[in-house]
Amino acid sequence: MRVAILAHEQFPERAKTATGILRYGDDEVVAVLDRSHAGERVSDLLPDVRDVPIVEGMDDVPGPVDALVIGIAPIGGGFEESWRPDVRTALESGCDLVSGLHYFLAEDEEFSELAAANDCDIWDVRKPSDDLTVSQGVAAEVDAEVVLTVGTDCSVGKMTATVELLRAAQDRGVDAAFVPTGQTGIMIEGWGNPIDRVVSDFTAGAVEEMILERGNDHDYLFVEGQGSIVHPAYSAVTCGILHGAMPDSLVLCHVAGREEIHGYESFPLAPLADYVSLYESLARPVHETAVVAGALNTAHLDEREADQAVADYADDLGVPATDPVRFDADAVLEAVL
């Protein structure tokens, strides 16, 4: 499928869905829509993903496309009205829509009418299924070892670390699968539960359902984490995943040098040792687990700085660590396996 990705004025720093699809998605990406960088190429801004042109809008996308993907996941998941002309143009040209927003495009009157008139599908990825229920507390009974990425904050690279570790394991011949819990992971894998949209009572159950669905078919499950246990807005999602997945091991993800919570800068990040203690102690009454490795996002550092930051991070945690995109993941994978 040929897709265009909408990331107006957010690419690449605040368009993690777009970046994730460019790095890991199977569909053919033909262009990124970003008014602030129109005329450039993805490689000018982000060197380690597929290179495609950046264009002003849908009218400038080269060739026909099958779908327009909303590649932005802003805080709160709202729809920006300045995107409407491009979404309208996509539907008028027969493109399907894929969106990970909390604002459901299928419930927008204009978009639903255009979709019906032009035989288009709208996939609101964050719309959970109707048959979710409370957790039974049985995820630990599956055959697979469950590995969960957790974070010091939101937007630190938990999905990226999860996929990188999964692929490194598969390259080694390990029978492993990915359990997506957020919009980007669901778009990449084509299945999953959008945990941050699930009714609170059903959060752990929605995770458990996925563990039970795949847990006896593989030796390892790599579960995508969300948010942070101390995040003032998203901690409930984090706790639900931690208890619902009942993980056997944890990988703590962090951005090198970050000191405040993203989007909530009046809240400082806790010391790293506090995160280890918090995650392990919170999990313990449900299922004992441990932080066995660290994943550090060093994208903003040069090679020498990144190498030192990873070494310092490993020392601080007392476990192996790496930047799984930039460096070899073997030491961290060994700790996980």
C-alpha atoms as a PDB file:
ATOM      1  CA  MET A   1       0.000   0.000   0.000  1.00  0.00           C
ATOM      2  CA  ARG A   2       1.236   3.489  -0.904  1.00  0.00           C
ATOM      3  CA  VAL A   3       0.770   6.016   1.904  1.00  0.00           C
ATOM      4  CA  ALA A   4       1.428   9.681   2.647  1.00  0.00           C
ATOM      5  CA  ILE A   5       2.042  10.828   6.220  1.00  0.00           C
ATOM      6  CA  LEU A   6       0.669  14.107   7.594  1.00  0.00           C
ATOM      7  CA  ALA A   7       3.068  15.748  10.055  1.00  0.00           C
ATOM      8  CA  HIS A   8       2.554  19.486   9.573  1.00  0.00           C
ATOM      9  CA  GLU A   9       5.041  21.655  11.485  1.00  0.00           C
ATOM     10  CA  GLN A  10       5.874  18.759  13.818  1.00  0.00           C
ATOM     11  CA  PHE A  11       8.397  16.682  11.858  1.00  0.00           C
ATOM     12  CA  PRO A  12      10.541  15.067  13.041  1.00  0.00           C
ATOM     13  CA  GLU A  13      10.837  16.036  16.716  1.00  0.00           C
ATOM     14  CA  ARG A  14       7.141  15.879  17.627  1.00  0.00           C
ATOM     15  CA  ALA A  15       5.914  13.399  15.035  1.00  0.00           C
ATOM     16  CA  LYS A  16       6.841  10.085  16.602  1.00  0.00           C
ATOM     17  CA  THR A  17       4.098   8.224  14.742  1.00  0.00           C
ATOM     18  CA  ALA A  18       5.503   9.427  11.417  1.00  0.00           C
ATOM     19  CA  THR A  19       9.023   8.491  12.490  1.00  0.00           C
ATOM     20  CA  GLY A  20       7.929   5.058  13.666  1.00  0.00           C
ATOM     21  CA  ILE A  21       6.195   4.285  10.379  1.00  0.00           C
ATOM     22  CA  LEU A  22       9.170   5.513   8.356  1.00  0.00           C
ATOM     23  CA  ARG A  23      11.518   3.339  10.386  1.00  0.00           C
ATOM     24  CA  TYR A  24       9.466   0.172  10.896  1.00  0.00           C
ATOM     25  CA  GLY A  25       6.331   0.185   8.731  1.00  0.00           C
ATOM     26  CA  ASP A  26       5.820  -2.212   5.828  1.00  0.00           C
ATOM     27  CA  ASP A  27       3.811   0.145   3.608  1.00  0.00           C
ATOM     28  CA  GLU A  28       5.465   2.196   0.860  1.00  0.00           C
ATOM     29  CA  VAL A  29       5.690   5.785   2.103  1.00  0.00           C
ATOM     30  CA  VAL A  30       5.709   8.225  -0.832  1.00  0.00           C
ATOM     31  CA  ALA A  31       5.787  11.583   0.989  1.00  0.00           C
ATOM     32  CA  VAL A  32       5.593  13.393   4.317  1.00  0.00           C
ATOM     33  CA  LEU A  33       3.312  16.437   4.530  1.00  0.00           C
ATOM     34  CA  ASP A  34       4.969  19.205   6.543  1.00  0.00           C
ATOM     35  CA  ARG A  35       4.519  22.847   5.576  1.00  0.00           C
ATOM     36  CA  SER A  36       7.517  23.966   7.623  1.00  0.00           C
ATOM     37  CA  HIS A  37       9.957  21.723   5.705  1.00  0.00           C
ATOM     38  CA  ALA A  38       8.333  21.527   2.262  1.00  0.00           C
ATOM     39  CA  GLY A  39      10.912  21.071  -0.497  1.00  0.00           C
ATOM     40  CA  GLU A  40      13.328  19.167   1.742  1.00  0.00           C
ATOM     41  CA  ARG A  41      13.730  15.426   2.138  1.00  0.00           C
ATOM     42  CA  VAL A  42      13.355  13.246   5.208  1.00  0.00           C
ATOM     43  CA  SER A  43      17.090  12.464   5.078  1.00  0.00           C
ATOM     44  CA  ASP A  44      17.854  16.158   5.620  1.00  0.00           C
ATOM     45  CA  LEU A  45      16.236  15.916   9.063  1.00  0.00           C
ATOM     46  CA  LEU A  46      16.276  12.255  10.021  1.00  0.00           C
ATOM     47  CA  PRO A  47      19.119  10.217   8.547  1.00  0.00           C
ATOM     48  CA  ASP A  48      18.347   6.726   9.847  1.00  0.00           C
ATOM     49  CA  VAL A  49      14.916   6.054   8.260  1.00  0.00           C
ATOM     50  CA  ARG A  50      13.527   5.729   4.743  1.00  0.00           C
ATOM     51  CA  ASP A  51      14.121   8.826   2.640  1.00  0.00           C
ATOM     52  CA  VAL A  52      11.096  10.404   0.942  1.00  0.00           C
ATOM     53  CA  PRO A  53      10.227  13.949  -0.159  1.00  0.00           C
ATOM     54  CA  ILE A  54       8.584  16.436   2.211  1.00  0.00           C
ATOM     55  CA  VAL A  55       5.748  18.315   0.521  1.00  0.00           C
ATOM     56  CA  GLU A  56       3.400  21.209   1.243  1.00  0.00           C
ATOM     57  CA  GLY A  57       0.147  19.264   1.063  1.00  0.00           C
ATOM     58  CA  MET A  58      -1.838  16.452  -0.541  1.00  0.00           C
ATOM     59  CA  ASP A  59      -1.882  18.219  -3.911  1.00  0.00           C
ATOM     60  CA  ASP A  60       1.925  17.923  -4.007  1.00  0.00           C
ATOM     61  CA  VAL A  61       2.194  14.196  -3.229  1.00  0.00           C
ATOM     62  CA  PRO A  62       3.931  12.398  -6.117  1.00  0.00           C
ATOM     63  CA  GLY A  63       1.643   9.856  -7.735  1.00  0.00           C
ATOM     64  CA  PRO A  64      -1.496   8.175  -6.410  1.00  0.00           C
ATOM     65  CA  VAL A  65      -1.666   7.020  -2.799  1.00  0.00           C
ATOM     66  CA  ASP A  66      -3.928   4.530  -1.080  1.00  0.00           C
ATOM     67  CA  ALA A  67      -4.060   6.148   2.355  1.00  0.00           C
ATOM     68  CA  LEU A  68      -3.249   9.285   4.304  1.00  0.00           C
ATOM     69  CA  VAL A  69      -1.836   8.565   7.763  1.00  0.00           C
ATOM     70  CA  ILE A  70      -2.022  11.148  10.546  1.00  0.00           C
ATOM     71  CA  GLY A  71       1.581  10.950  11.738  1.00  0.00           C
ATOM     72  CA  ILE A  72       1.278  13.246  14.751  1.00  0.00           C
ATOM     73  CA  ALA A  73       0.285  12.285  18.296  1.00  0.00           C
ATOM     74  CA  PRO A  74      -0.082  15.596  20.167  1.00  0.00           C
ATOM     75  CA  ILE A  75      -0.738  15.777  23.897  1.00  0.00           C
ATOM     76  CA  GLY A  76      -4.455  15.119  24.279  1.00  0.00           C
ATOM     77  CA  GLY A  77      -4.751  13.633  20.777  1.00  0.00           C
ATOM     78  CA  GLY A  78      -6.803  16.491  19.336  1.00  0.00           C
ATOM     79  CA  PHE A  79      -7.409  17.342  15.677  1.00  0.00           C
ATOM     80  CA  GLU A  80      -5.837  20.537  14.330  1.00  0.00           C
ATOM     81  CA  GLU A  81      -8.235  22.339  11.976  1.00  0.00           C
ATOM     82  CA  SER A  82      -5.371  23.407   9.712  1.00  0.00           C
ATOM     83  CA  TRP A  83      -5.089  19.720   8.710  1.00  0.00           C
ATOM     84  CA  ARG A  84      -8.680  19.627   7.414  1.00  0.00           C
ATOM     85  CA  PRO A  85      -7.957  20.698   3.803  1.00  0.00           C
ATOM     86  CA  ASP A  86      -5.433  17.901   3.328  1.00  0.00           C
ATOM     87  CA  VAL A  87      -7.729  15.308   4.894  1.00  0.00           C
ATOM     88  CA  ARG A  88     -10.567  16.560   2.702  1.00  0.00           C
ATOM     89  CA  THR A  89      -8.386  16.359  -0.423  1.00  0.00           C
ATOM     90  CA  ALA A  90      -7.308  12.826   0.467  1.00  0.00           C
ATOM     91  CA  LEU A  91     -10.885  11.625   0.830  1.00  0.00           C
ATOM     92  CA  GLU A  92     -11.997  13.381  -2.352  1.00  0.00           C
ATOM     93  CA  SER A  93      -9.263  11.535  -4.248  1.00  0.00           C
ATOM     94  CA  GLY A  94     -10.333   8.169  -2.856  1.00  0.00           C
ATOM     95  CA  CYS A  95      -7.681   7.758  -0.150  1.00  0.00           C
ATOM     96  CA  ASP A  96      -8.387   5.854   3.025  1.00  0.00           C
ATOM     97  CA  LEU A  97      -7.537   7.515   6.355  1.00  0.00           C
ATOM     98  CA  VAL A  98      -5.517   6.081   9.224  1.00  0.00           C
ATOM     99  CA  SER A  99      -5.457   8.110  12.437  1.00  0.00           C
ATOM    100  CA  GLY A 100      -4.156   7.567  15.942  1.00  0.00           C
ATOM    101  CA  LEU A 101      -5.818  10.636  17.432  1.00  0.00           C
ATOM    102  CA  HIS A 102      -8.265  10.642  20.309  1.00  0.00           C
ATOM    103  CA  TYR A 103     -10.457  12.689  17.950  1.00  0.00           C
ATOM    104  CA  PHE A 104     -12.131  10.042  15.806  1.00  0.00           C
ATOM    105  CA  LEU A 105     -12.147  11.070  12.158  1.00  0.00           C
ATOM    106  CA  ALA A 106     -14.936   8.608  11.364  1.00  0.00           C
ATOM    107  CA  GLU A 107     -17.213  10.596  13.672  1.00  0.00           C
ATOM    108  CA  ASP A 108     -16.454  13.913  11.953  1.00  0.00           C
ATOM    109  CA  GLU A 109     -19.553  14.667   9.880  1.00  0.00           C
ATOM    110  CA  GLU A 110     -17.675  16.092   6.886  1.00  0.00           C
ATOM    111  CA  PHE A 111     -15.134  13.282   6.783  1.00  0.00           C
ATOM    112  CA  SER A 112     -17.703  10.508   7.197  1.00  0.00           C
ATOM    113  CA  GLU A 113     -19.807  11.917   4.363  1.00  0.00           C
ATOM    114  CA  LEU A 114     -16.782  12.260   2.071  1.00  0.00           C
ATOM    115  CA  ALA A 115     -15.633   8.743   2.928  1.00  0.00           C
ATOM    116  CA  ALA A 116     -19.039   7.316   2.041  1.00  0.00           C
ATOM    117  CA  ALA A 117     -19.224   9.307  -1.192  1.00  0.00           C
ATOM    118  CA  ASN A 118     -15.758   8.210  -2.333  1.00  0.00           C
ATOM    119  CA  ASP A 119     -15.763   4.618  -1.020  1.00  0.00           C
ATOM    120  CA  CYS A 120     -13.014   5.305   1.536  1.00  0.00           C
ATOM    121  CA  ASP A 121     -12.296   3.563   4.812  1.00  0.00           C
ATOM    122  CA  ILE A 122     -11.419   5.457   7.994  1.00  0.00           C
ATOM    123  CA  TRP A 123      -9.421   3.533  10.596  1.00  0.00           C
ATOM    124  CA  ASP A 124      -9.402   5.303  13.955  1.00  0.00           C
ATOM    125  CA  VAL A 125      -6.631   3.279  15.536  1.00  0.00           C
ATOM    126  CA  ARG A 126      -7.328   4.536  19.038  1.00  0.00           C
ATOM    127  CA  LYS A 127     -10.906   3.292  19.069  1.00  0.00           C
ATOM    128  CA  PRO A 128     -10.919   0.235  21.378  1.00  0.00           C
ATOM    129  CA  SER A 129     -13.045  -2.840  20.778  1.00  0.00           C
ATOM    130  CA  ASP A 130     -16.376  -3.106  22.552  1.00  0.00           C
ATOM    131  CA  ASP A 131     -15.781  -6.473  24.235  1.00  0.00           C
ATOM    132  CA  LEU A 132     -12.986  -5.591  26.684  1.00  0.00           C
ATOM    133  CA  THR A 133     -13.357  -6.524  30.328  1.00  0.00           C
ATOM    134  CA  VAL A 134     -11.489  -6.502  33.636  1.00  0.00           C
ATOM    135  CA  SER A 135      -8.274  -8.434  34.139  1.00  0.00           C
ATOM    136  CA  GLN A 136      -8.410 -11.952  35.559  1.00  0.00           C
ATOM    137  CA  GLY A 137      -4.814 -11.724  36.784  1.00  0.00           C
ATOM    138  CA  VAL A 138      -3.660 -14.675  34.674  1.00  0.00           C
ATOM    139  CA  ALA A 139      -1.134 -13.196  32.200  1.00  0.00           C
ATOM    140  CA  ALA A 140       1.727 -14.856  34.103  1.00  0.00           C
ATOM    141  CA  GLU A 141       0.324 -18.291  33.220  1.00  0.00           C
ATOM    142  CA  VAL A 142       1.315 -18.091  29.524  1.00  0.00           C
ATOM    143  CA  ASP A 143       4.325 -20.032  28.298  1.00  0.00           C
ATOM    144  CA  ALA A 144       6.169 -16.999  26.944  1.00  0.00           C
ATOM    145  CA  GLU A 145       8.594 -14.831  28.887  1.00  0.00           C
ATOM    146  CA  VAL A 146       7.082 -11.333  28.943  1.00  0.00           C
ATOM    147  CA  VAL A 147       9.387  -8.323  28.520  1.00  0.00           C
ATOM    148  CA  LEU A 148       7.954  -4.834  29.080  1.00  0.00           C
ATOM    149  CA  THR A 149       9.562  -1.512  28.229  1.00  0.00           C
ATOM    150  CA  VAL A 150       8.920   1.170  30.861  1.00  0.00           C
ATOM    151  CA  GLY A 151       9.998   4.801  30.906  1.00  0.00           C
ATOM    152  CA  THR A 152      11.217   7.693  32.960  1.00  0.00           C
ATOM    153  CA  ASP A 153       8.818   9.842  30.935  1.00  0.00           C
ATOM    154  CA  CYS A 154       6.551   9.785  27.889  1.00  0.00           C
ATOM    155  CA  SER A 155       8.179  10.153  24.438  1.00  0.00           C
ATOM    156  CA  VAL A 156      11.478   8.557  25.435  1.00  0.00           C
ATOM    157  CA  GLY A 157      11.510   5.763  22.853  1.00  0.00           C
ATOM    158  CA  LYS A 158       9.679   2.837  24.461  1.00  0.00           C
ATOM    159  CA  MET A 159       8.059   1.685  21.212  1.00  0.00           C
ATOM    160  CA  THR A 160      11.361   2.035  19.353  1.00  0.00           C
ATOM    161  CA  ALA A 161      13.270   0.097  21.998  1.00  0.00           C
ATOM    162  CA  THR A 162      10.613  -2.627  21.999  1.00  0.00           C
ATOM    163  CA  VAL A 163      10.762  -3.131  18.236  1.00  0.00           C
ATOM    164  CA  GLU A 164      14.566  -2.969  18.128  1.00  0.00           C
ATOM    165  CA  LEU A 165      14.883  -5.633  20.833  1.00  0.00           C
ATOM    166  CA  LEU A 166      12.232  -7.755  19.137  1.00  0.00           C
ATOM    167  CA  ARG A 167      14.058  -7.639  15.801  1.00  0.00           C
ATOM    168  CA  ALA A 168      17.421  -8.315  17.403  1.00  0.00           C
ATOM    169  CA  ALA A 169      15.911 -11.354  19.103  1.00  0.00           C
ATOM    170  CA  GLN A 170      14.322 -12.581  15.886  1.00  0.00           C
ATOM    171  CA  ASP A 171      17.620 -12.100  14.020  1.00  0.00           C
ATOM    172  CA  ARG A 172      19.156 -14.428  16.587  1.00  0.00           C
ATOM    173  CA  GLY A 173      16.505 -17.037  15.887  1.00  0.00           C
ATOM    174  CA  VAL A 174      14.430 -16.415  18.998  1.00  0.00           C
ATOM    175  CA  ASP A 175      10.689 -17.039  18.604  1.00  0.00           C
ATOM    176  CA  ALA A 176       9.423 -13.619  19.711  1.00  0.00           C
ATOM    177  CA  ALA A 177       6.424 -11.373  19.052  1.00  0.00           C
ATOM    178  CA  PHE A 178       5.501  -7.724  19.589  1.00  0.00           C
ATOM    179  CA  VAL A 179       2.498  -6.663  21.695  1.00  0.00           C
ATOM    180  CA  PRO A 180       1.469  -3.134  20.638  1.00  0.00           C
ATOM    181  CA  THR A 181      -0.318  -0.896  23.139  1.00  0.00           C
ATOM    182  CA  GLY A 182      -0.200   2.491  21.356  1.00  0.00           C
ATOM    183  CA  GLN A 183      -1.274   3.955  18.057  1.00  0.00           C
ATOM    184  CA  THR A 184       2.094   3.746  16.285  1.00  0.00           C
ATOM    185  CA  GLY A 185       2.724   0.152  17.254  1.00  0.00           C
ATOM    186  CA  ILE A 186      -0.812  -0.796  16.209  1.00  0.00           C
ATOM    187  CA  MET A 187      -0.325   0.870  12.805  1.00  0.00           C
ATOM    188  CA  ILE A 188       2.935  -1.007  12.279  1.00  0.00           C
ATOM    189  CA  GLU A 189       1.644  -4.395  13.410  1.00  0.00           C
ATOM    190  CA  GLY A 190      -1.966  -4.124  12.219  1.00  0.00           C
ATOM    191  CA  TRP A 191      -3.414  -5.263  15.568  1.00  0.00           C
ATOM    192  CA  GLY A 192      -3.395  -4.354  19.253  1.00  0.00           C
ATOM    193  CA  ASN A 193      -5.318  -2.496  21.938  1.00  0.00           C
ATOM    194  CA  PRO A 194      -4.957   1.299  22.326  1.00  0.00           C
ATOM    195  CA  ILE A 195      -4.485   1.230  26.080  1.00  0.00           C
ATOM    196  CA  ASP A 196      -4.651   4.989  26.663  1.00  0.00           C
ATOM    197  CA  ARG A 197      -8.196   5.012  25.261  1.00  0.00           C
ATOM    198  CA  VAL A 198      -9.550   2.075  27.268  1.00  0.00           C
ATOM    199  CA  VAL A 199     -11.926   2.558  30.218  1.00  0.00           C
ATOM    200  CA  SER A 200      -9.816   2.493  33.387  1.00  0.00           C
ATOM    201  CA  ASP A 201     -11.373  -0.693  34.799  1.00  0.00           C
ATOM    202  CA  PHE A 202     -10.524  -2.514  31.565  1.00  0.00           C
ATOM    203  CA  THR A 203      -6.940  -1.267  31.073  1.00  0.00           C
ATOM    204  CA  ALA A 204      -5.165  -4.221  32.649  1.00  0.00           C
ATOM    205  CA  GLY A 205      -7.669  -6.573  31.042  1.00  0.00           C
ATOM    206  CA  ALA A 206      -6.995  -5.164  27.570  1.00  0.00           C
ATOM    207  CA  VAL A 207      -3.277  -5.875  28.017  1.00  0.00           C
ATOM    208  CA  GLU A 208      -3.924  -9.303  29.507  1.00  0.00           C
ATOM    209  CA  GLU A 209      -6.157 -10.175  26.539  1.00  0.00           C
ATOM    210  CA  MET A 210      -3.241  -9.605  24.142  1.00  0.00           C
ATOM    211  CA  ILE A 211      -0.814 -11.577  26.325  1.00  0.00           C
ATOM    212  CA  LEU A 212      -3.220 -14.520  26.389  1.00  0.00           C
ATOM    213  CA  GLU A 213      -3.804 -14.265  22.630  1.00  0.00           C
ATOM    214  CA  ARG A 214      -0.100 -14.605  21.750  1.00  0.00           C
ATOM    215  CA  GLY A 215       1.585 -15.894  24.887  1.00  0.00           C
ATOM    216  CA  ASN A 216       1.399 -19.624  24.168  1.00  0.00           C
ATOM    217  CA  ASP A 217       2.519 -19.278  20.549  1.00  0.00           C
ATOM    218  CA  HIS A 218       5.931 -17.702  21.203  1.00  0.00           C
ATOM    219  CA  ASP A 219       8.871 -18.000  23.572  1.00  0.00           C
ATOM    220  CA  TYR A 220       9.090 -14.243  24.212  1.00  0.00           C
ATOM    221  CA  LEU A 221       6.605 -11.377  24.089  1.00  0.00           C
ATOM    222  CA  PHE A 222       7.978  -7.848  23.863  1.00  0.00           C
ATOM    223  CA  VAL A 223       5.297  -5.495  25.213  1.00  0.00           C
ATOM    224  CA  GLU A 224       5.294  -1.811  24.254  1.00  0.00           C
ATOM    225  CA  GLY A 225       5.095   0.414  27.322  1.00  0.00           C
ATOM    226  CA  GLN A 226       3.306   3.773  27.621  1.00  0.00           C
ATOM    227  CA  GLY A 227       3.887   6.912  29.684  1.00  0.00           C
ATOM    228  CA  SER A 228       5.686   6.798  33.024  1.00  0.00           C
ATOM    229  CA  ILE A 229       4.742   5.699  36.504  1.00  0.00           C
ATOM    230  CA  VAL A 230       5.313   9.240  37.839  1.00  0.00           C
ATOM    231  CA  HIS A 231       3.777  11.143  34.926  1.00  0.00           C
ATOM    232  CA  PRO A 232       1.141  13.596  36.180  1.00  0.00           C
ATOM    233  CA  ALA A 233      -1.196  12.743  33.283  1.00  0.00           C
ATOM    234  CA  TYR A 234      -0.344   9.229  32.065  1.00  0.00           C
ATOM    235  CA  SER A 235       0.646   7.230  35.158  1.00  0.00           C
ATOM    236  CA  ALA A 236      -2.660   5.331  35.209  1.00  0.00           C
ATOM    237  CA  VAL A 237      -1.980   3.918  31.732  1.00  0.00           C
ATOM    238  CA  THR A 238       1.519   2.869  32.791  1.00  0.00           C
ATOM    239  CA  CYS A 239       0.253   1.080  35.901  1.00  0.00           C
ATOM    240  CA  GLY A 240      -2.473  -0.708  33.952  1.00  0.00           C
ATOM    241  CA  ILE A 241       0.055  -2.105  31.478  1.00  0.00           C
ATOM    242  CA  LEU A 242       2.471  -3.087  34.265  1.00  0.00           C
ATOM    243  CA  HIS A 243      -0.190  -5.080  36.124  1.00  0.00           C
ATOM    244  CA  GLY A 244      -2.016  -6.413  33.088  1.00  0.00           C
ATOM    245  CA  ALA A 245       1.127  -7.738  31.358  1.00  0.00           C
ATOM    246  CA  MET A 246       2.615  -9.265  34.544  1.00  0.00           C
ATOM    247  CA  PRO A 247       6.082  -8.983  32.954  1.00  0.00           C
ATOM    248  CA  ASP A 248       9.001 -11.219  33.854  1.00  0.00           C
ATOM    249  CA  SER A 249      11.511  -8.442  33.120  1.00  0.00           C
ATOM    250  CA  LEU A 250      11.595  -4.698  32.484  1.00  0.00           C
ATOM    251  CA  VAL A 251      13.727  -2.481  30.244  1.00  0.00           C
ATOM    252  CA  LEU A 252      13.916   1.121  31.507  1.00  0.00           C
ATOM    253  CA  CYS A 253      13.898   3.724  28.717  1.00  0.00           C
ATOM    254  CA  HIS A 254      15.181   7.282  29.055  1.00  0.00           C
ATOM    255  CA  VAL A 255      16.302  10.268  26.956  1.00  0.00           C
ATOM    256  CA  ALA A 256      19.888  11.289  27.669  1.00  0.00           C
ATOM    257  CA  GLY A 257      20.011  14.585  29.519  1.00  0.00           C
ATOM    258  CA  ARG A 258      16.273  15.004  30.034  1.00  0.00           C
ATOM    259  CA  GLU A 259      15.569  16.534  33.436  1.00  0.00           C
ATOM    260  CA  GLU A 260      11.896  17.572  33.303  1.00  0.00           C
ATOM    261  CA  ILE A 261       8.735  15.750  32.272  1.00  0.00           C
ATOM    262  CA  HIS A 262       7.931  16.367  28.613  1.00  0.00           C
ATOM    263  CA  GLY A 263       5.086  18.880  28.325  1.00  0.00           C
ATOM    264  CA  TYR A 264       5.009  19.327  32.114  1.00  0.00           C
ATOM    265  CA  GLU A 265       8.315  21.077  32.651  1.00  0.00           C
ATOM    266  CA  SER A 266       7.469  22.200  36.185  1.00  0.00           C
ATOM    267  CA  PHE A 267       7.795  18.529  37.205  1.00  0.00           C
ATOM    268  CA  PRO A 268      11.415  17.322  37.460  1.00  0.00           C
ATOM    269  CA  LEU A 269      12.279  13.733  36.603  1.00  0.00           C
ATOM    270  CA  ALA A 270      12.995  11.511  39.588  1.00  0.00           C
ATOM    271  CA  PRO A 271      16.472  10.006  40.111  1.00  0.00           C
ATOM    272  CA  LEU A 272      17.003   6.869  38.012  1.00  0.00           C
ATOM    273  CA  ALA A 273      17.276   4.648  41.092  1.00  0.00           C
ATOM    274  CA  ASP A 274      13.812   5.820  42.151  1.00  0.00           C
ATOM    275  CA  TYR A 275      12.312   4.594  38.871  1.00  0.00           C
ATOM    276  CA  VAL A 276      13.842   1.149  39.327  1.00  0.00           C
ATOM    277  CA  SER A 277      12.467   0.935  42.850  1.00  0.00           C
ATOM    278  CA  LEU A 278       9.045   2.292  41.886  1.00  0.00           C
ATOM    279  CA  TYR A 279       8.484  -0.059  38.965  1.00  0.00           C
ATOM    280  CA  GLU A 280       9.715  -3.142  40.780  1.00  0.00           C
ATOM    281  CA  SER A 281       7.844  -2.443  44.016  1.00  0.00           C
ATOM    282  CA  LEU A 282       4.593  -1.546  42.248  1.00  0.00           C
ATOM    283  CA  ALA A 283       4.717  -4.727  40.177  1.00  0.00           C
ATOM    284  CA  ARG A 284       5.680  -7.021  43.060  1.00  0.00           C
ATOM    285  CA  PRO A 285       2.241  -7.594  44.671  1.00  0.00           C
ATOM    286  CA  VAL A 286       0.858  -8.720  41.303  1.00  0.00           C
ATOM    287  CA  HIS A 287       3.895 -10.397  39.732  1.00  0.00           C
ATOM    288  CA  GLU A 288       7.514  -9.999  40.769  1.00  0.00           C
ATOM    289  CA  THR A 289       9.788  -8.519  38.126  1.00  0.00           C
ATOM    290  CA  ALA A 290      13.053  -6.580  37.798  1.00  0.00           C
ATOM    291  CA  VAL A 291      14.670  -3.924  35.636  1.00  0.00           C
ATOM    292  CA  VAL A 292      17.270  -6.030  33.800  1.00  0.00           C
ATOM    293  CA  ALA A 293      18.458  -3.527  31.173  1.00  0.00           C
ATOM    294  CA  GLY A 294      18.277   0.070  29.996  1.00  0.00           C
ATOM    295  CA  ALA A 295      17.559   1.717  26.636  1.00  0.00           C
ATOM    296  CA  LEU A 296      18.821   5.283  26.168  1.00  0.00           C
ATOM    297  CA  ASN A 297      17.698   7.681  23.437  1.00  0.00           C
ATOM    298  CA  THR A 298      20.814   9.580  22.289  1.00  0.00           C
ATOM    299  CA  ALA A 299      19.502  10.888  18.952  1.00  0.00           C
ATOM    300  CA  HIS A 300      20.392  14.491  19.856  1.00  0.00           C
ATOM    301  CA  LEU A 301      24.018  13.694  20.794  1.00  0.00           C
ATOM    302  CA  ASP A 302      27.117  13.176  18.673  1.00  0.00           C
ATOM    303  CA  GLU A 303      28.801   9.761  18.604  1.00  0.00           C
ATOM    304  CA  ARG A 304      31.302  10.436  21.405  1.00  0.00           C
ATOM    305  CA  GLU A 305      28.695  12.034  23.672  1.00  0.00           C
ATOM    306  CA  ALA A 306      26.275   9.192  23.001  1.00  0.00           C
ATOM    307  CA  ASP A 307      28.838   6.532  23.832  1.00  0.00           C
ATOM    308  CA  GLN A 308      29.635   8.214  27.156  1.00  0.00           C
ATOM    309  CA  ALA A 309      25.956   8.780  27.960  1.00  0.00           C
ATOM    310  CA  VAL A 310      25.187   5.082  27.461  1.00  0.00           C
ATOM    311  CA  ALA A 311      28.115   4.069  29.685  1.00  0.00           C
ATOM    312  CA  ASP A 312      26.958   6.472  32.406  1.00  0.00           C
ATOM    313  CA  TYR A 313      23.378   5.234  32.131  1.00  0.00           C
ATOM    314  CA  ALA A 314      24.470   1.613  32.532  1.00  0.00           C
ATOM    315  CA  ASP A 315      26.542   2.563  35.590  1.00  0.00           C
ATOM    316  CA  ASP A 316      23.645   4.455  37.148  1.00  0.00           C
ATOM    317  CA  LEU A 317      21.233   1.558  36.637  1.00  0.00           C
ATOM    318  CA  GLY A 318      23.719  -1.184  37.447  1.00  0.00           C
ATOM    319  CA  VAL A 319      22.536  -3.209  34.413  1.00  0.00           C
ATOM    320  CA  PRO A 320      23.535  -3.373  30.720  1.00  0.00           C
ATOM    321  CA  ALA A 321      22.322  -0.473  28.590  1.00  0.00           C
ATOM    322  CA  THR A 322      22.458   0.714  24.995  1.00  0.00           C
ATOM    323  CA  ASP A 323      20.890   3.014  22.457  1.00  0.00           C
ATOM    324  CA  PRO A 324      19.271   0.211  20.428  1.00  0.00           C
ATOM    325  CA  VAL A 325      18.952   2.350  17.289  1.00  0.00           C
ATOM    326  CA  ARG A 326      22.469   3.713  17.315  1.00  0.00           C
ATOM    327  CA  PHE A 327      24.504   0.893  18.858  1.00  0.00           C
ATOM    328  CA  ASP A 328      24.533  -2.889  19.085  1.00  0.00           C
ATOM    329  CA  ALA A 329      21.704  -4.320  21.188  1.00  0.00           C
ATOM    330  CA  ASP A 330      23.463  -7.609  22.032  1.00  0.00           C
ATOM    331  CA  ALA A 331      24.395  -6.866  25.656  1.00  0.00           C
ATOM    332  CA  VAL A 332      20.911  -5.663  26.498  1.00  0.00           C
ATOM    333  CA  LEU A 333      19.337  -8.560  24.621  1.00  0.00           C
ATOM    334  CA  GLU A 334      21.486 -11.007  26.596  1.00  0.00           C
ATOM    335  CA  ALA A 335      20.187  -9.517  29.829  1.00  0.00           C
ATOM    336  CA  VAL A 336      16.603  -9.764  28.598  1.00  0.00           C
ATOM    337  CA  LEU A 337      16.902 -13.315  27.300  1.00  0.00           C
END
